[in-house]
N, C-alpha and C. Protein backbone atom coordinates (compact mmCIF):
# COMPACT_ATOMS: atom_id res chain seq x y z
N UNK A 1 -61.52 39.82 38.58
CA UNK A 1 -60.04 39.04 38.05
C UNK A 1 -58.97 39.65 38.40
N UNK A 2 -58.05 38.96 39.34
CA UNK A 2 -56.40 39.34 39.28
C UNK A 2 -56.36 38.48 38.64
N UNK A 3 -54.88 39.59 37.51
CA UNK A 3 -54.51 39.68 36.88
C UNK A 3 -52.50 39.49 37.25
N UNK A 4 -51.71 38.91 36.72
CA UNK A 4 -51.03 39.01 37.62
C UNK A 4 -49.70 39.72 37.08
N UNK A 5 -48.78 40.49 37.66
CA UNK A 5 -48.85 42.02 37.42
C UNK A 5 -47.29 41.31 36.20
N UNK A 6 -46.89 42.37 35.35
CA UNK A 6 -46.33 42.30 35.07
C UNK A 6 -44.98 41.58 34.98
N UNK A 7 -44.20 41.70 35.59
CA UNK A 7 -43.08 41.47 36.20
C UNK A 7 -43.15 40.33 37.03
N UNK A 8 -44.39 39.97 37.33
CA UNK A 8 -44.45 38.34 38.14
C UNK A 8 -45.00 37.53 36.55
N UNK A 9 -44.91 37.92 35.49
CA UNK A 9 -45.34 37.50 34.13
C UNK A 9 -43.85 36.86 33.89
N UNK A 10 -43.64 37.96 33.71
CA UNK A 10 -41.90 37.96 32.92
C UNK A 10 -40.83 37.00 34.09
N UNK A 11 -41.26 37.02 35.30
CA UNK A 11 -40.16 35.81 36.09
C UNK A 11 -40.94 34.74 36.32
N UNK A 12 -42.08 34.48 36.00
CA UNK A 12 -42.18 33.32 35.61
C UNK A 12 -42.13 32.27 34.41
N UNK A 13 -41.81 33.28 32.99
CA UNK A 13 -41.35 33.24 31.82
C UNK A 13 -39.57 33.10 31.56
N UNK A 14 -38.99 33.58 32.69
CA UNK A 14 -37.72 33.21 32.47
C UNK A 14 -37.88 31.86 33.18
N UNK A 15 -38.11 31.82 34.08
CA UNK A 15 -38.03 30.46 34.53
C UNK A 15 -38.63 29.39 33.94
N UNK A 16 -39.53 29.06 33.47
CA UNK A 16 -40.25 28.39 32.29
C UNK A 16 -38.84 28.41 31.17
N UNK A 17 -38.59 29.36 30.64
CA UNK A 17 -37.45 29.39 29.79
C UNK A 17 -35.86 28.29 30.12
N UNK A 18 -35.88 29.03 31.41
CA UNK A 18 -34.50 28.03 32.14
C UNK A 18 -34.99 26.68 31.82
N UNK A 19 -35.92 26.30 32.44
CA UNK A 19 -36.07 24.56 32.41
C UNK A 19 -36.08 24.42 31.29
N UNK A 20 -36.66 24.61 30.05
CA UNK A 20 -36.58 24.32 28.97
C UNK A 20 -35.32 24.08 28.19
N UNK A 21 -34.19 25.56 28.31
CA UNK A 21 -33.15 25.52 27.99
C UNK A 21 -32.54 24.17 28.43
N UNK A 22 -32.35 23.67 30.49
CA UNK A 22 -31.80 22.52 30.91
C UNK A 22 -32.44 21.15 29.95
N UNK A 23 -33.61 21.56 29.87
CA UNK A 23 -34.39 20.05 29.51
C UNK A 23 -33.82 19.84 27.87
N UNK A 24 -32.99 21.22 27.53
CA UNK A 24 -33.18 20.63 26.01
C UNK A 24 -31.74 20.13 25.85
N UNK A 25 -30.51 21.15 27.11
CA UNK A 25 -29.24 20.75 26.47
C UNK A 25 -29.10 19.48 27.51
N UNK A 26 -30.09 18.88 28.11
CA UNK A 26 -29.67 16.96 28.31
C UNK A 26 -29.92 16.21 27.75
N UNK A 27 -31.12 16.70 26.49
CA UNK A 27 -31.44 15.85 25.75
C UNK A 27 -30.54 15.96 24.06
N UNK A 28 -29.46 17.02 24.55
CA UNK A 28 -28.94 17.19 23.27
C UNK A 28 -27.88 16.33 23.55
N UNK A 29 -27.15 16.62 24.77
CA UNK A 29 -26.05 16.00 25.03
C UNK A 29 -26.36 14.15 24.86
N UNK A 30 -27.52 14.09 25.15
CA UNK A 30 -27.12 12.46 25.19
C UNK A 30 -27.63 11.85 23.73
N UNK A 31 -27.79 12.62 23.07
CA UNK A 31 -27.93 12.59 21.05
C UNK A 31 -26.51 12.44 20.52
N UNK A 32 -25.91 13.22 21.09
CA UNK A 32 -24.28 12.77 20.58
C UNK A 32 -23.59 11.23 20.73
N UNK A 33 -23.22 11.25 18.96
CA UNK A 33 -22.89 10.05 18.98
C UNK A 33 -21.42 9.28 20.14
N UNK A 34 -20.51 10.37 20.37
CA UNK A 34 -19.31 9.95 21.11
C UNK A 34 -20.58 9.82 22.87
N UNK A 35 -20.82 10.50 22.89
CA UNK A 35 -21.85 10.04 24.33
C UNK A 35 -23.17 8.89 24.33
N UNK A 36 -23.86 8.38 23.14
CA UNK A 36 -24.07 7.15 23.22
C UNK A 36 -23.41 6.32 23.10
N UNK A 37 -22.60 6.22 22.97
CA UNK A 37 -21.15 4.82 22.84
C UNK A 37 -19.99 5.07 23.73
N UNK A 38 -19.67 4.24 25.16
CA UNK A 38 -19.11 4.47 26.51
C UNK A 38 -17.93 4.21 25.93
N UNK A 39 -17.65 3.66 25.54
CA UNK A 39 -16.00 3.11 24.98
C UNK A 39 -15.25 4.15 24.26
N UNK A 40 -14.41 4.49 24.70
CA UNK A 40 -13.51 5.59 23.92
C UNK A 40 -13.27 5.74 23.24
N UNK A 41 -12.21 4.19 22.07
CA UNK A 41 -12.52 3.60 21.00
C UNK A 41 -13.85 4.39 19.76
N UNK A 42 -14.93 3.89 20.75
CA UNK A 42 -15.94 4.36 19.86
C UNK A 42 -16.47 5.47 19.40
N UNK A 43 -15.87 6.02 20.48
CA UNK A 43 -16.35 7.92 20.86
C UNK A 43 -15.35 8.33 19.63
N UNK A 44 -13.82 8.01 19.74
CA UNK A 44 -13.26 8.19 18.64
C UNK A 44 -13.49 8.22 17.56
N UNK A 45 -13.72 6.83 16.80
CA UNK A 45 -13.81 6.51 15.90
C UNK A 45 -15.52 7.11 15.16
N UNK A 46 -16.57 7.39 16.06
CA UNK A 46 -17.78 8.57 15.66
C UNK A 46 -16.91 9.64 15.40
N UNK A 47 -16.45 10.16 16.21
CA UNK A 47 -16.03 12.07 16.02
C UNK A 47 -14.59 12.07 14.44
N UNK A 48 -14.01 10.78 14.16
CA UNK A 48 -12.83 11.06 13.49
C UNK A 48 -13.22 9.52 12.13
N UNK A 49 -14.77 9.47 11.64
CA UNK A 49 -14.83 8.60 10.44
C UNK A 49 -13.76 8.86 9.61
N UNK A 50 -13.69 9.94 8.69
CA UNK A 50 -12.80 9.88 7.69
C UNK A 50 -11.51 9.02 7.92
N UNK A 51 -10.45 9.90 8.52
CA UNK A 51 -9.48 9.74 9.07
C UNK A 51 -9.69 7.83 9.00
N UNK A 52 -10.50 7.54 10.25
CA UNK A 52 -10.84 5.93 10.55
C UNK A 52 -11.23 4.69 8.88
N UNK A 53 -12.28 5.48 8.54
CA UNK A 53 -12.28 4.82 6.75
C UNK A 53 -11.13 4.87 6.13
N UNK A 54 -10.44 6.25 5.67
CA UNK A 54 -9.75 6.25 5.30
C UNK A 54 -7.97 5.24 5.54
N UNK A 55 -8.26 5.46 6.82
CA UNK A 55 -6.92 3.97 7.32
C UNK A 55 -7.22 2.71 6.88
N UNK A 56 -9.25 2.27 7.32
CA UNK A 56 -9.10 0.85 7.02
C UNK A 56 -9.55 0.99 5.40
N UNK A 57 -9.82 1.46 4.55
CA UNK A 57 -9.59 1.89 3.08
C UNK A 57 -7.99 0.79 2.42
N UNK A 58 -7.11 2.23 3.02
CA UNK A 58 -5.57 1.05 2.98
C UNK A 58 -5.50 0.34 3.54
N UNK A 59 -5.44 -0.06 4.87
CA UNK A 59 -4.99 -1.29 5.34
C UNK A 59 -5.74 -2.86 4.38
N UNK A 60 -7.26 -2.53 4.10
CA UNK A 60 -7.53 -3.53 3.42
C UNK A 60 -6.94 -3.71 1.72
N UNK A 61 -7.53 -2.15 1.27
CA UNK A 61 -6.11 -2.55 0.05
C UNK A 61 -4.42 -3.57 -0.09
N UNK A 62 -3.82 -3.21 1.34
CA UNK A 62 -2.61 -3.81 1.72
C UNK A 62 -2.74 -4.95 1.80
N UNK A 63 -3.71 -5.13 2.30
CA UNK A 63 -4.33 -7.05 2.83
C UNK A 63 -4.47 -7.80 1.58
N UNK A 64 -5.00 -6.82 0.10
CA UNK A 64 -5.64 -7.89 -1.06
C UNK A 64 -4.72 -7.27 -2.13
N UNK A 65 -3.38 -6.98 -1.48
CA UNK A 65 -2.18 -6.36 -2.41
C UNK A 65 -1.43 -8.24 -2.35
N UNK A 66 -1.26 -9.37 -3.38
CA UNK A 66 -0.17 -9.87 -3.35
C UNK A 66 1.12 -9.74 -2.34
N UNK A 67 1.21 -11.14 -1.91
CA UNK A 67 2.98 -10.07 -1.26
C UNK A 67 3.84 -10.07 -2.19
N UNK A 68 4.31 -10.13 -2.94
CA UNK A 68 5.33 -9.94 -3.93
C UNK A 68 5.58 -8.29 -3.94
N UNK A 69 3.68 -7.99 -3.87
CA UNK A 69 3.60 -6.67 -4.64
C UNK A 69 3.50 -5.61 -3.71
N UNK A 70 3.31 -6.07 -2.72
CA UNK A 70 3.31 -5.84 -1.24
C UNK A 70 5.20 -4.91 -0.75
N UNK A 71 5.58 -6.24 -1.20
CA UNK A 71 7.02 -6.20 -0.69
C UNK A 71 7.25 -4.79 -1.77
N UNK A 72 6.99 -4.95 -2.88
CA UNK A 72 7.64 -4.18 -3.97
C UNK A 72 7.35 -3.10 -3.95
N UNK A 73 6.14 -2.16 -3.19
CA UNK A 73 5.41 -1.45 -2.63
C UNK A 73 6.27 -1.04 -1.65
N UNK A 74 6.92 -1.89 -0.59
CA UNK A 74 7.30 -1.25 1.06
C UNK A 74 9.04 -0.86 0.18
N UNK A 75 9.73 -1.97 -1.36
CA UNK A 75 11.22 -1.58 -1.29
C UNK A 75 10.76 0.17 -1.93
N UNK A 76 9.92 0.17 -2.68
CA UNK A 76 9.35 1.47 -3.50
C UNK A 76 9.84 2.72 -1.97
N UNK A 77 8.62 2.51 -1.11
CA UNK A 77 8.78 3.59 -0.47
C UNK A 77 9.60 3.49 0.49
N UNK A 78 9.95 3.16 0.65
CA UNK A 78 11.37 3.01 1.77
C UNK A 78 12.79 3.93 0.52
N UNK A 79 13.36 3.50 -0.64
CA UNK A 79 13.63 3.75 -1.24
C UNK A 79 13.29 5.88 -1.90
N UNK A 80 12.38 5.61 -2.07
CA UNK A 80 11.64 7.31 -2.12
C UNK A 80 11.70 8.00 -0.63
N UNK A 81 11.58 7.05 0.51
CA UNK A 81 12.04 8.30 1.96
C UNK A 81 13.06 8.67 2.04
N UNK A 82 14.18 7.15 1.55
CA UNK A 82 15.62 7.71 1.66
C UNK A 82 16.00 9.10 0.80
N UNK A 83 15.89 8.83 -0.17
CA UNK A 83 15.58 10.09 -1.60
C UNK A 83 14.81 11.07 -1.19
N UNK A 84 13.85 11.29 -0.19
CA UNK A 84 13.47 12.67 0.44
C UNK A 84 14.23 12.96 1.41
N UNK A 85 15.11 12.03 2.08
CA UNK A 85 15.95 12.51 3.34
C UNK A 85 17.20 13.18 2.26
N UNK A 86 17.49 12.48 1.99
CA UNK A 86 19.38 13.42 1.03
C UNK A 86 18.90 14.30 0.36
N UNK A 87 17.22 14.48 -0.02
CA UNK A 87 17.09 15.95 -0.82
C UNK A 87 16.70 16.87 0.30
N UNK A 88 16.29 16.85 1.52
CA UNK A 88 16.43 17.21 2.38
C UNK A 88 17.55 17.73 3.10
N UNK A 89 18.30 16.77 3.73
CA UNK A 89 19.67 17.42 3.31
C UNK A 89 20.62 18.08 3.03
N UNK A 90 20.45 17.92 1.72
CA UNK A 90 21.33 18.90 1.19
C UNK A 90 20.49 20.30 0.96
N UNK A 91 19.39 20.18 0.70
CA UNK A 91 18.59 21.47 0.88
C UNK A 91 19.12 22.53 2.35
N UNK A 92 19.65 21.77 3.39
CA UNK A 92 19.50 21.53 4.44
C UNK A 92 20.95 22.71 4.96
N UNK A 93 22.00 21.42 3.75
CA UNK A 93 23.00 22.17 3.33
C UNK A 93 23.74 23.51 2.76
N UNK A 94 22.70 23.52 1.86
CA UNK A 94 22.69 24.94 1.00
C UNK A 94 22.33 25.80 1.50
N UNK A 95 21.49 25.81 2.41
CA UNK A 95 20.75 27.09 2.73
C UNK A 95 21.41 27.57 4.10
N UNK A 96 22.39 26.79 4.37
CA UNK A 96 23.21 27.42 5.60
C UNK A 96 24.42 27.85 4.79
């Protein structure tokens, strides 16, 4: 019997491991959600699910509100924004 040397066996194992790593990397790359979907928007949605679902929920909530309530909400939001800007300007003056 002609046994291969230890160095030859080691080289063969290193080569097989490299092939397996390459194959595994290729399979993992093809399984990623952003790569399954070719469209850039679909890849973004797959990567940022929480943000997209939150925005869709807020949009749906706004769509289901009555117009009067939506206008009142927008007016109160604008008022709160103006008050916040005024408060921040006052704080900036006090810091000087």
